[in-house]
Amino acid sequence: LLIQELHEECACYRSCSANNELKWLWDCAKRHLLKSEGRPVKGANEWGERWREEEWKTEQNAKRTFTSATHSRKPTQLLPPTLKMAAPFMEKLAEYLDSPEPAVRLILSVLLGYPFALVYRWLFFHQSTTVIHLFHTFSGLALAIFNFVLAAKVDGKDGHVCSDKLYLSDGLSLDYYDGGKDPTKLSGDQKKSALTSTPSLLEVFGFSYYYGGFLVGPQFTLRSYQKLVSKEMSDVPGMPPNSVLPALKRFCLGLVALAIFTIGGPRYPDSYYLTDEFEAQPFWYRCVYILLWVKINLYKYISCWLITEGVCILSGLGYNDKNENGEHQWDSCANVRVWLFETTPLFTGTINSFNIITNNWVAKHVFKRLRFLGNKLVSQMFTLLFLAIWHGLHSGYLICFSMEFLIVNVEKQTQSLVRDSPLLTAITQSPLYPLLYVVQQTIHWLFMGYSLVPFCLFTYDKWLKVCFSTSGVYYSVYFCGHIFFLAALLVLPYLRKVLVPRKRGTPVSSHFFPRAPVTFLLSVSRHTRNHVCLRPSALD
């Protein structure tokens, strides 16, 4: 009865904090002592102990907060009031655009590269190298503060910055290492980027924080940055380059790609793969969704790369001398070939048109340095393994790059078969080719998306659910990519036996026709050495 009375009296007090409510209950219990026994109500001591414990915790927390206030504050609380105002504005802007705040900050930072490039052309181009290094350093640090200090919420997906910094630091170390070697033992690419002297710390800062590549790339060598600072990266030596129009073209193309992703991205999100609705869809719907998802979501990367390429062109870093026709080129920082990306029906065509600078970096610093292995196929395998581990320890990266290894080698064997078979060559040159092109593009983008699903979902408990499910016959894609390309790897040797005419004088035993499973796999391995992709890539 006493407990019921206390709760009735406390009904108007429940909006207060837990500590105050416990204190009030304790005081109220003390007023309702049982006169007959002369002691507190049963349970009052328990309430009192709880209240004392809560009060003690509150006092301790207050002391810790007072002694280490800077550690308990958000990053935005440590900034001047004028900078604090940017945080709520960005939150409202992100809410208005219906986009994550880190993504909005990233896009704005990429766009801010154009004002920085114009300021460099107008005010700092003719300044000393020290002043230019300082400008590039502080402009990059300003972008870092805007993205990682002013941000009220960070989703943890800022790995692209770490990736670019690793590329720059690793490339810088290897270029410095090459500078101390005998020039006769270096390849042409290594000679162009080798550093024969130790750069200064300020020079490394300017190189690392250059606004055109600080956040999303493109990567470039310190030698290229040194040429930019020394005013060599220009079609008019010693003067600002005539690059406004080429930069504007890439900027507009980047805005088009950004618009495609902005409109289509929310309709095909990664998170839909993990919903019950996707699991309930039929098999054909899942495949179509994967195809459209990968095509649209890759524009996220393409838009950023095109916009930052325009920044590099505007500042002069994109200058690439003259072509064979005597025309000035501005593609030294090109990270995507848009026309090839849109029209190629080949996986290797997409690889060669997407994330180009990363591909070249890996080929120069990893693939070619594995030449001592004496086998291109093994070198490619270890290169892709390096890329998977370099991206992270998630299983999705290993699955993605292992699929790239399998697909590239199957495609190379298929191209060789079509080239050597008169029948298949005639079909590709017949009026049926437009139909074959549509089929090839469908297969191309379906399995490109199939390979990138683990890359985007990271962990096996997520991508495994997409690739395989026991819910029903049409409720998953059932490892269709692995089955398709492994089956092709097994069938291609037999198709070559049937479709490629044997040359006169060639013994039957030397023709590619395995007789046992183990012998067959060894033969496939030997055969693919002649058809390996010479430039591995990172589908990032």
Protein backbone atom coordinates (compact mmCIF):
# COMPACT_ATOMS: atom_id res chain seq x y z
CA LEU A 1 0.00 0.00 0.00
CA LEU A 2 2.85 2.38 0.81
CA ILE A 3 4.56 1.67 -2.52
CA GLN A 4 1.28 2.37 -4.35
CA GLU A 5 0.92 5.64 -2.44
CA LEU A 6 4.46 6.69 -3.37
CA HIS A 7 3.85 6.00 -7.05
CA GLU A 8 0.62 8.01 -7.01
CA GLU A 9 2.37 10.97 -5.43
CA CYS A 10 5.23 10.61 -7.92
CA ALA A 11 2.99 10.66 -11.00
CA CYS A 12 3.45 14.38 -11.56
CA TYR A 13 7.21 14.09 -11.11
CA ARG A 14 8.09 11.49 -13.76
CA SER A 15 9.27 14.01 -16.33
CA CYS A 16 12.35 14.79 -14.23
CA SER A 17 15.70 13.05 -14.45
CA ALA A 18 16.30 9.61 -12.98
CA ASN A 19 18.64 10.95 -10.30
CA ASN A 20 16.13 13.52 -9.05
CA GLU A 21 13.33 10.96 -9.08
CA LEU A 22 15.38 8.56 -6.97
CA LYS A 23 16.21 11.38 -4.56
CA TRP A 24 12.57 12.38 -4.28
CA LEU A 25 11.50 8.79 -3.63
CA TRP A 26 14.11 8.51 -0.91
CA ASP A 27 12.93 11.70 0.79
CA CYS A 28 9.32 10.63 0.45
CA ALA A 29 10.07 7.22 1.93
CA LYS A 30 11.77 8.79 4.92
CA ARG A 31 8.59 10.82 5.65
CA HIS A 32 6.48 7.64 5.65
CA LEU A 33 8.12 5.78 8.53
CA LEU A 34 6.11 3.12 10.18
CA LYS A 35 5.26 4.56 13.61
CA SER A 36 4.44 1.16 14.97
CA GLU A 37 7.95 -0.21 14.29
CA GLY A 38 9.91 3.00 14.38
CA ARG A 39 12.02 2.18 11.27
CA PRO A 40 12.02 3.12 7.55
CA VAL A 41 9.68 1.51 5.08
CA LYS A 42 10.86 -1.73 3.49
CA GLY A 43 12.77 -0.84 0.36
CA ALA A 44 13.62 2.71 1.42
CA ASN A 45 17.20 1.76 2.30
CA GLU A 46 17.60 0.19 -1.13
CA TRP A 47 16.37 3.35 -2.81
CA GLY A 48 18.71 5.40 -0.69
CA GLU A 49 21.72 3.32 -1.61
CA ARG A 50 20.85 3.59 -5.31
CA TRP A 51 20.48 7.34 -5.01
CA ARG A 52 23.83 7.70 -3.21
CA GLU A 53 25.52 5.57 -5.88
CA GLU A 54 24.03 7.65 -8.69
CA GLU A 55 25.03 10.88 -6.96
CA TRP A 56 28.59 9.61 -6.53
CA LYS A 57 28.82 8.65 -10.21
CA THR A 58 27.54 12.08 -11.21
CA GLU A 59 30.14 13.83 -9.06
CA GLN A 60 32.96 11.68 -10.48
CA ASN A 61 31.84 12.31 -14.05
CA ALA A 62 31.71 16.03 -13.36
CA LYS A 63 35.27 15.97 -11.99
CA ARG A 64 36.55 14.07 -15.03
CA THR A 65 34.76 16.44 -17.36
CA PHE A 66 36.26 19.45 -15.59
CA THR A 67 39.82 18.13 -15.58
CA SER A 68 39.79 16.87 -19.19
CA ALA A 69 37.21 19.02 -20.90
CA THR A 70 38.95 18.97 -24.26
CA HIS A 71 38.72 15.18 -24.44
CA SER A 72 34.98 15.13 -23.84
CA ARG A 73 34.13 17.75 -26.44
CA LYS A 74 33.27 17.18 -30.05
CA PRO A 75 35.80 18.41 -32.61
CA THR A 76 33.49 21.25 -33.60
CA GLN A 77 33.43 22.53 -29.98
CA LEU A 78 37.16 23.21 -30.12
CA LEU A 79 36.86 25.57 -33.10
CA PRO A 80 36.21 29.31 -33.23
CA PRO A 81 32.54 30.35 -33.38
CA THR A 82 32.81 31.37 -37.04
CA LEU A 83 33.86 27.85 -38.01
CA LYS A 84 31.28 26.19 -35.77
CA MET A 85 28.54 27.75 -37.91
CA ALA A 86 29.54 25.54 -40.86
CA ALA A 87 28.47 22.34 -39.10
CA PRO A 88 24.72 23.07 -38.77
CA PHE A 89 24.68 24.56 -42.26
CA MET A 90 26.16 21.37 -43.71
CA GLU A 91 23.68 19.26 -41.76
CA LYS A 92 20.78 21.24 -43.21
CA LEU A 93 22.26 21.11 -46.72
CA ALA A 94 22.75 17.34 -46.51
CA GLU A 95 19.18 16.94 -45.25
CA TYR A 96 17.87 19.12 -48.08
CA LEU A 97 19.81 17.11 -50.70
CA ASP A 98 18.81 13.83 -49.00
CA SER A 99 22.45 12.73 -48.99
CA PRO A 100 24.93 11.75 -46.27
CA GLU A 101 26.77 14.74 -44.86
CA PRO A 102 30.29 13.25 -45.49
CA ALA A 103 29.37 12.76 -49.16
CA VAL A 104 28.19 16.36 -49.49
CA ARG A 105 31.37 17.62 -47.85
CA LEU A 106 33.48 15.49 -50.18
CA ILE A 107 31.79 16.80 -53.32
CA LEU A 108 32.10 20.40 -52.14
CA SER A 109 35.77 19.83 -51.34
CA VAL A 110 36.40 18.45 -54.81
CA LEU A 111 34.66 21.47 -56.33
CA LEU A 112 36.71 23.84 -54.14
CA GLY A 113 39.76 22.68 -56.09
CA TYR A 114 38.76 25.00 -58.95
CA PRO A 115 38.92 28.23 -56.88
CA PHE A 116 42.22 27.04 -55.42
CA ALA A 117 43.58 26.39 -58.93
CA LEU A 118 42.49 29.85 -60.10
CA VAL A 119 44.13 31.49 -57.07
CA TYR A 120 47.31 29.54 -57.84
CA ARG A 121 47.28 30.74 -61.47
CA TRP A 122 46.58 34.37 -60.62
CA LEU A 123 48.56 34.93 -57.43
CA PHE A 124 51.11 32.19 -56.84
CA PHE A 125 52.25 30.95 -60.24
CA HIS A 126 55.22 33.33 -60.40
CA GLN A 127 56.07 33.04 -56.70
CA SER A 128 58.99 31.08 -55.28
CA THR A 129 58.77 27.34 -54.79
CA THR A 130 58.59 27.80 -51.01
CA VAL A 131 55.51 29.99 -51.27
CA ILE A 132 53.86 27.52 -53.68
CA HIS A 133 54.56 24.61 -51.33
CA LEU A 134 53.01 26.54 -48.46
CA PHE A 135 49.93 27.39 -50.52
CA HIS A 136 49.38 23.78 -51.54
CA THR A 137 49.96 22.57 -47.96
CA PHE A 138 47.53 24.97 -46.28
CA SER A 139 44.87 24.62 -48.97
CA GLY A 140 44.95 20.83 -48.54
CA LEU A 141 44.85 21.16 -44.75
CA ALA A 142 41.82 23.42 -45.10
CA LEU A 143 40.05 20.68 -47.02
CA ALA A 144 41.06 18.20 -44.32
CA ILE A 145 39.59 20.40 -41.58
CA PHE A 146 36.39 20.87 -43.56
CA ASN A 147 35.96 17.11 -44.06
CA PHE A 148 37.22 15.60 -40.82
CA VAL A 149 37.17 18.25 -38.10
CA LEU A 150 34.10 20.33 -38.89
CA ALA A 151 32.05 17.23 -39.65
CA ALA A 152 29.58 16.58 -36.85
CA LYS A 153 29.14 12.97 -37.93
CA VAL A 154 31.61 10.70 -39.63
CA ASP A 155 30.44 7.39 -41.08
CA GLY A 156 33.87 5.77 -41.01
CA LYS A 157 34.11 5.48 -44.79
CA ASP A 158 36.98 7.92 -45.27
CA GLY A 159 39.31 5.14 -46.39
CA HIS A 160 39.74 6.72 -49.81
CA VAL A 161 41.92 9.41 -48.23
CA CYS A 162 44.10 6.80 -46.53
CA SER A 163 44.28 4.94 -49.85
CA ASP A 164 45.54 7.96 -51.75
CA LYS A 165 48.06 8.81 -49.04
CA LEU A 166 49.35 5.23 -49.10
CA TYR A 167 49.72 5.42 -52.86
CA LEU A 168 51.67 8.66 -52.57
CA SER A 169 53.89 7.52 -49.70
CA ASP A 170 54.60 4.07 -51.14
CA GLY A 171 55.22 5.51 -54.59
CA LEU A 172 57.49 8.19 -53.14
CA SER A 173 59.53 5.57 -51.28
CA LEU A 174 59.91 3.36 -54.35
CA ASP A 175 60.79 6.33 -56.58
CA TYR A 176 63.47 7.37 -54.09
CA TYR A 177 64.75 3.78 -54.03
CA ASP A 178 64.91 3.73 -57.85
CA GLY A 179 66.87 6.97 -57.82
CA GLY A 180 69.76 5.22 -56.11
CA LYS A 181 69.92 2.34 -58.60
CA ASP A 182 71.86 2.03 -61.83
CA PRO A 183 69.79 3.84 -64.53
CA THR A 184 70.51 1.04 -67.00
CA LYS A 185 68.57 -1.37 -64.78
CA LEU A 186 65.43 0.79 -64.68
CA SER A 187 62.46 0.66 -67.05
CA GLY A 188 61.30 3.71 -68.95
CA ASP A 189 58.55 4.50 -66.44
CA GLN A 190 60.91 4.09 -63.52
CA LYS A 191 63.43 6.46 -65.08
CA LYS A 192 60.74 9.15 -65.46
CA SER A 193 59.72 9.02 -61.79
CA ALA A 194 63.04 8.15 -60.09
CA LEU A 195 64.26 10.71 -57.51
CA THR A 196 67.99 11.36 -57.64
CA SER A 197 67.98 13.69 -54.60
CA THR A 198 66.21 13.81 -51.25
CA PRO A 199 63.16 16.12 -51.30
CA SER A 200 62.65 18.64 -48.52
CA LEU A 201 59.96 18.18 -45.89
CA LEU A 202 58.04 21.22 -47.13
CA GLU A 203 58.16 19.84 -50.66
CA VAL A 204 56.69 16.54 -49.45
CA PHE A 205 53.95 18.43 -47.59
CA GLY A 206 52.99 20.38 -50.72
CA PHE A 207 53.04 17.18 -52.75
CA SER A 208 50.87 15.31 -50.22
CA TYR A 209 48.30 18.06 -49.62
CA TYR A 210 47.97 19.30 -53.19
CA TYR A 211 44.27 20.17 -53.49
CA GLY A 212 43.86 18.45 -56.86
CA GLY A 213 44.58 14.98 -55.51
CA PHE A 214 44.38 15.15 -51.73
CA LEU A 215 40.96 13.52 -51.23
CA VAL A 216 40.10 11.22 -54.15
CA GLY A 217 43.17 11.32 -56.36
CA PRO A 218 44.43 11.18 -59.01
CA GLN A 219 47.81 9.93 -57.88
CA PHE A 220 50.92 11.47 -59.40
CA THR A 221 54.65 11.29 -58.84
CA LEU A 222 56.80 13.77 -56.97
CA ARG A 223 58.71 14.39 -60.19
CA SER A 224 55.49 15.61 -61.81
CA TYR A 225 54.81 17.86 -58.83
CA GLN A 226 58.33 19.26 -59.03
CA LYS A 227 57.77 20.09 -62.70
CA LEU A 228 54.51 21.84 -61.78
CA VAL A 229 56.20 23.98 -59.14
CA SER A 230 59.10 24.79 -61.47
CA LYS A 231 56.58 26.00 -64.12
CA GLU A 232 57.43 23.26 -66.63
CA MET A 233 53.89 21.78 -66.79
CA SER A 234 52.56 24.28 -69.31
CA ASP A 235 52.10 24.62 -73.04
CA VAL A 236 53.69 28.07 -72.64
CA PRO A 237 56.88 27.53 -70.59
CA GLY A 238 57.17 29.95 -67.70
CA MET A 239 53.55 31.13 -68.05
CA PRO A 240 50.18 29.84 -66.80
CA PRO A 241 48.93 27.13 -69.16
CA ASN A 242 46.14 27.67 -71.66
CA SER A 243 44.08 24.96 -70.01
CA VAL A 244 40.83 26.64 -69.04
CA LEU A 245 38.82 25.12 -71.89
CA PRO A 246 40.13 21.53 -71.45
CA ALA A 247 39.47 21.81 -67.70
CA LEU A 248 35.95 23.10 -68.33
CA LYS A 249 35.19 20.11 -70.57
CA ARG A 250 36.17 17.61 -67.89
CA PHE A 251 34.27 19.60 -65.28
CA CYS A 252 31.04 19.53 -67.31
CA LEU A 253 31.47 15.83 -68.06
CA GLY A 254 31.98 15.21 -64.35
CA LEU A 255 28.77 17.07 -63.53
CA VAL A 256 26.87 14.85 -65.98
CA ALA A 257 28.23 11.72 -64.29
CA LEU A 258 27.39 13.19 -60.89
CA ALA A 259 23.82 13.91 -62.00
CA ILE A 260 23.40 10.31 -63.21
CA PHE A 261 24.58 8.95 -59.88
CA THR A 262 22.52 11.47 -57.86
CA ILE A 263 19.35 10.45 -59.67
CA GLY A 264 19.99 6.72 -60.01
CA GLY A 265 22.02 6.00 -56.88
CA PRO A 266 19.14 6.24 -54.38
CA ARG A 267 17.08 3.91 -56.58
CA TYR A 268 19.79 1.22 -56.55
CA PRO A 269 21.46 1.34 -53.11
CA ASP A 270 23.84 -1.28 -51.72
CA SER A 271 21.62 -1.74 -48.69
CA TYR A 272 18.81 -3.22 -50.80
CA TYR A 273 20.84 -6.41 -51.17
CA LEU A 274 20.38 -7.13 -47.46
CA THR A 275 16.61 -6.61 -47.35
CA ASP A 276 13.91 -9.27 -47.27
CA GLU A 277 12.36 -7.65 -50.32
CA PHE A 278 15.42 -8.40 -52.45
CA GLU A 279 15.50 -11.94 -51.12
CA ALA A 280 11.89 -12.40 -52.20
CA GLN A 281 12.53 -11.31 -55.79
CA PRO A 282 12.86 -13.87 -58.63
CA PHE A 283 16.23 -14.83 -60.06
CA TRP A 284 15.95 -12.70 -63.21
CA TYR A 285 15.08 -9.61 -61.17
CA ARG A 286 18.14 -10.06 -58.97
CA CYS A 287 20.38 -10.29 -62.01
CA VAL A 288 18.89 -7.18 -63.62
CA TYR A 289 19.24 -5.28 -60.36
CA ILE A 290 22.93 -6.21 -60.09
CA LEU A 291 23.50 -5.09 -63.69
CA LEU A 292 21.83 -1.69 -63.21
CA TRP A 293 23.32 -1.21 -59.75
CA VAL A 294 26.92 -1.55 -60.87
CA LYS A 295 26.47 0.61 -63.95
CA ILE A 296 24.96 3.50 -61.99
CA ASN A 297 27.08 3.30 -58.86
CA LEU A 298 30.37 3.38 -60.77
CA TYR A 299 29.45 6.93 -61.80
CA LYS A 300 30.12 7.89 -58.18
CA TYR A 301 33.82 7.33 -58.80
CA ILE A 302 33.82 8.58 -62.37
CA SER A 303 32.25 11.92 -61.40
CA CYS A 304 34.88 12.62 -58.73
CA TRP A 305 37.74 11.60 -61.00
CA LEU A 306 36.55 13.78 -63.88
CA ILE A 307 36.08 16.81 -61.65
CA THR A 308 39.49 16.44 -60.00
CA GLU A 309 41.08 15.86 -63.40
CA GLY A 310 39.73 19.25 -64.41
CA VAL A 311 41.36 20.78 -61.32
CA CYS A 312 44.70 19.24 -62.26
CA ILE A 313 44.37 20.46 -65.85
CA LEU A 314 43.50 23.99 -64.71
CA SER A 315 46.56 24.19 -62.46
CA GLY A 316 48.83 22.66 -65.13
CA LEU A 317 49.49 19.25 -63.58
CA GLY A 318 47.47 17.56 -66.34
CA TYR A 319 49.81 18.69 -69.12
CA ASN A 320 51.27 15.77 -71.09
CA ASP A 321 53.39 17.36 -73.84
CA LYS A 322 52.38 17.04 -77.50
CA ASN A 323 51.02 14.08 -79.40
CA GLU A 324 52.27 12.83 -82.76
CA ASN A 325 50.14 15.47 -84.52
CA GLY A 326 51.74 18.32 -82.59
CA GLU A 327 48.66 18.95 -80.43
CA HIS A 328 48.98 19.69 -76.73
CA GLN A 329 47.67 16.92 -74.48
CA TRP A 330 46.10 17.35 -71.05
CA ASP A 331 45.59 13.75 -70.01
CA SER A 332 48.49 13.02 -67.65
CA CYS A 333 46.02 12.91 -64.72
CA ALA A 334 43.20 11.16 -66.60
CA ASN A 335 41.79 8.40 -64.40
CA VAL A 336 38.96 7.30 -66.69
CA ARG A 337 38.44 7.00 -70.46
CA VAL A 338 34.76 7.76 -70.72
CA TRP A 339 34.12 6.63 -74.31
CA LEU A 340 35.93 3.34 -73.86
CA PHE A 341 34.19 2.78 -70.52
CA GLU A 342 30.77 3.28 -72.09
CA THR A 343 31.27 1.28 -75.28
CA THR A 344 33.60 -1.62 -74.52
CA PRO A 345 31.95 -5.05 -74.22
CA LEU A 346 35.10 -6.52 -72.63
CA PHE A 347 36.06 -6.82 -68.99
CA THR A 348 39.64 -5.90 -69.86
CA GLY A 349 38.28 -2.85 -71.69
CA THR A 350 36.55 -1.66 -68.53
CA ILE A 351 39.68 -2.37 -66.50
CA ASN A 352 41.79 -0.35 -68.94
CA SER A 353 39.34 2.57 -68.88
CA PHE A 354 38.55 2.72 -65.16
CA ASN A 355 40.92 3.84 -62.40
CA ILE A 356 43.71 4.12 -64.96
CA ILE A 357 46.31 5.80 -62.77
CA THR A 358 45.90 3.20 -60.05
CA ASN A 359 46.33 0.47 -62.66
CA ASN A 360 49.51 2.09 -63.92
CA TRP A 361 50.80 2.55 -60.37
CA VAL A 362 50.26 -1.12 -59.54
CA ALA A 363 51.76 -2.25 -62.84
CA LYS A 364 54.89 -0.13 -62.34
CA HIS A 365 55.50 -0.61 -58.62
CA VAL A 366 54.22 -4.16 -58.04
CA PHE A 367 53.62 -6.21 -61.21
CA LYS A 368 56.87 -5.34 -62.98
CA ARG A 369 58.89 -5.78 -59.79
CA LEU A 370 57.70 -9.40 -59.65
CA ARG A 371 59.51 -10.16 -62.87
CA PHE A 372 61.95 -12.34 -60.97
CA LEU A 373 59.17 -14.93 -60.58
CA GLY A 374 59.52 -15.70 -64.28
CA ASN A 375 55.79 -16.18 -64.87
CA LYS A 376 53.33 -13.45 -65.81
CA LEU A 377 50.35 -15.42 -64.57
CA VAL A 378 51.90 -15.84 -61.12
CA SER A 379 52.94 -12.18 -61.07
CA GLN A 380 49.38 -11.14 -61.89
CA MET A 381 47.99 -13.41 -59.19
CA PHE A 382 50.29 -11.96 -56.51
CA THR A 383 49.58 -8.43 -57.73
CA LEU A 384 45.84 -8.91 -57.31
CA LEU A 385 46.44 -10.52 -53.93
CA PHE A 386 48.45 -7.44 -52.92
CA LEU A 387 45.56 -5.21 -54.01
CA ALA A 388 43.04 -7.25 -52.04
CA ILE A 389 45.11 -7.13 -48.84
CA TRP A 390 46.02 -3.49 -49.41
CA HIS A 391 42.33 -2.52 -49.57
CA GLY A 392 41.66 -4.29 -46.28
CA LEU A 393 41.26 -7.63 -44.58
CA HIS A 394 37.60 -8.08 -45.49
CA SER A 395 36.78 -11.25 -47.38
CA GLY A 396 34.86 -9.27 -50.00
CA TYR A 397 38.09 -7.82 -51.40
CA LEU A 398 39.60 -11.27 -51.86
CA ILE A 399 36.49 -12.51 -53.65
CA CYS A 400 36.40 -9.46 -55.94
CA PHE A 401 40.02 -9.66 -57.07
CA SER A 402 39.97 -13.45 -57.39
CA MET A 403 36.98 -13.05 -59.71
CA GLU A 404 38.93 -10.47 -61.71
CA PHE A 405 41.80 -12.93 -62.07
CA LEU A 406 39.41 -15.66 -63.27
CA ILE A 407 37.39 -13.44 -65.62
CA VAL A 408 40.39 -11.78 -67.27
CA ASN A 409 42.06 -15.08 -68.06
CA VAL A 410 38.86 -16.67 -69.38
CA GLU A 411 38.25 -13.62 -71.56
CA LYS A 412 41.79 -13.75 -72.93
CA GLN A 413 41.35 -17.40 -73.84
CA THR A 414 38.02 -16.63 -75.49
CA GLN A 415 39.55 -13.82 -77.56
CA SER A 416 42.31 -16.17 -78.66
CA LEU A 417 39.74 -18.79 -79.63
CA VAL A 418 37.69 -16.32 -81.69
CA ARG A 419 40.83 -15.02 -83.40
CA ASP A 420 42.08 -18.50 -84.31
CA SER A 421 38.72 -19.94 -85.39
CA PRO A 422 37.60 -19.06 -88.96
CA LEU A 423 33.98 -19.81 -88.07
CA LEU A 424 33.86 -17.56 -85.02
CA THR A 425 35.77 -14.82 -86.84
CA ALA A 426 33.20 -14.91 -89.65
CA ILE A 427 30.33 -14.63 -87.16
CA THR A 428 31.86 -11.55 -85.50
CA GLN A 429 32.10 -9.90 -88.92
CA SER A 430 28.56 -10.82 -89.99
CA PRO A 431 25.32 -8.81 -89.62
CA LEU A 432 24.67 -10.77 -86.42
CA TYR A 433 27.37 -8.85 -84.58
CA PRO A 434 25.00 -6.10 -83.20
CA LEU A 435 22.97 -8.84 -81.52
CA LEU A 436 26.13 -10.45 -80.21
CA TYR A 437 27.27 -7.05 -78.95
CA VAL A 438 24.10 -6.64 -76.87
CA VAL A 439 24.49 -10.13 -75.42
CA GLN A 440 28.15 -9.48 -74.69
CA GLN A 441 27.39 -6.18 -72.97
CA THR A 442 24.72 -7.86 -70.84
CA ILE A 443 27.12 -10.59 -69.73
CA HIS A 444 29.85 -8.02 -69.22
CA TRP A 445 27.93 -5.75 -66.85
CA LEU A 446 26.07 -8.54 -65.08
CA PHE A 447 29.27 -10.25 -63.97
CA MET A 448 31.04 -6.95 -63.42
CA GLY A 449 28.35 -6.21 -60.84
CA TYR A 450 28.54 -9.77 -59.54
CA SER A 451 32.25 -9.25 -58.84
CA LEU A 452 31.77 -5.88 -57.16
CA VAL A 453 28.98 -6.93 -54.79
CA PRO A 454 31.48 -8.48 -52.30
CA PHE A 455 33.76 -5.46 -52.75
CA CYS A 456 30.99 -3.11 -51.56
CA LEU A 457 29.48 -5.34 -48.88
CA PHE A 458 32.89 -6.22 -47.34
CA THR A 459 32.07 -9.16 -45.04
CA TYR A 460 31.13 -12.70 -45.98
CA ASP A 461 27.89 -12.73 -43.96
CA LYS A 462 26.59 -9.99 -46.29
CA TRP A 463 27.88 -10.88 -49.75
CA LEU A 464 27.30 -14.60 -49.18
CA LYS A 465 23.65 -13.86 -48.57
CA VAL A 466 23.45 -12.12 -51.95
CA CYS A 467 25.41 -14.72 -53.88
CA PHE A 468 23.78 -17.77 -52.33
CA SER A 469 20.59 -18.46 -50.43
CA THR A 470 18.59 -21.55 -49.60
CA SER A 471 15.30 -19.67 -49.37
CA GLY A 472 14.05 -20.86 -52.73
CA VAL A 473 14.90 -21.62 -56.33
CA TYR A 474 14.56 -18.06 -57.60
CA TYR A 475 15.60 -16.24 -54.46
CA SER A 476 19.31 -15.88 -55.19
CA VAL A 477 21.93 -15.76 -57.93
CA TYR A 478 23.49 -19.00 -56.68
CA PHE A 479 27.13 -18.24 -57.42
CA CYS A 480 26.23 -17.89 -61.09
CA GLY A 481 29.41 -15.90 -61.82
CA HIS A 482 31.72 -18.54 -60.42
CA ILE A 483 29.82 -21.34 -62.13
CA PHE A 484 29.75 -19.54 -65.48
CA PHE A 485 33.46 -18.73 -65.66
CA LEU A 486 34.72 -21.95 -64.12
CA ALA A 487 32.59 -23.86 -66.62
CA ALA A 488 33.99 -21.69 -69.42
CA LEU A 489 37.51 -22.43 -68.21
CA LEU A 490 36.79 -26.15 -68.51
CA VAL A 491 34.95 -26.00 -71.84
CA LEU A 492 37.22 -23.62 -73.78
CA PRO A 493 39.99 -26.19 -74.40
CA TYR A 494 37.48 -28.60 -75.95
CA LEU A 495 35.96 -25.82 -78.08
CA ARG A 496 39.44 -24.98 -79.32
CA LYS A 497 39.88 -28.62 -80.29
CA VAL A 498 36.66 -28.51 -82.34
CA LEU A 499 36.68 -24.99 -83.80
CA VAL A 500 40.36 -24.30 -84.48
CA PRO A 501 41.78 -26.23 -87.44
CA ARG A 502 44.96 -28.10 -86.63
CA LYS A 503 47.99 -26.96 -88.56
CA ARG A 504 49.59 -29.42 -90.92
CA GLY A 505 52.45 -31.32 -89.33
CA THR A 506 51.29 -30.61 -85.79
CA PRO A 507 51.15 -33.84 -83.77
CA VAL A 508 47.87 -34.59 -82.04
CA SER A 509 49.54 -34.92 -78.66
CA SER A 510 50.78 -31.34 -78.88
CA HIS A 511 47.31 -30.01 -79.54
CA PHE A 512 45.55 -28.55 -76.52
CA PHE A 513 43.39 -31.48 -75.39
CA PRO A 514 43.69 -32.51 -71.74
CA ARG A 515 42.95 -36.11 -70.90
CA ALA A 516 42.69 -36.06 -67.12
CA PRO A 517 41.48 -33.46 -64.61
CA VAL A 518 44.90 -32.79 -63.09
CA THR A 519 46.62 -32.74 -66.48
CA PHE A 520 43.85 -30.48 -67.74
CA LEU A 521 44.33 -27.88 -65.01
CA LEU A 522 48.08 -27.87 -65.55
CA SER A 523 47.52 -27.43 -69.28
CA VAL A 524 45.13 -24.54 -68.66
CA SER A 525 47.75 -22.91 -66.46
CA ARG A 526 50.42 -23.27 -69.16
CA HIS A 527 48.07 -22.07 -71.86
CA THR A 528 46.95 -18.94 -70.03
CA ARG A 529 50.53 -17.71 -69.74
CA ASN A 530 50.30 -16.48 -73.31
CA HIS A 531 46.99 -14.71 -72.72
CA VAL A 532 47.41 -12.95 -69.42
CA CYS A 533 46.35 -9.35 -68.85
CA LEU A 534 49.57 -7.35 -68.68
CA ARG A 535 48.06 -4.62 -66.58
CA PRO A 536 46.23 -5.71 -63.44
CA SER A 537 43.92 -3.23 -61.83
CA ALA A 538 42.02 -2.19 -58.72
CA LEU A 539 38.26 -1.89 -59.20
CA ASP A 540 37.99 0.73 -56.34
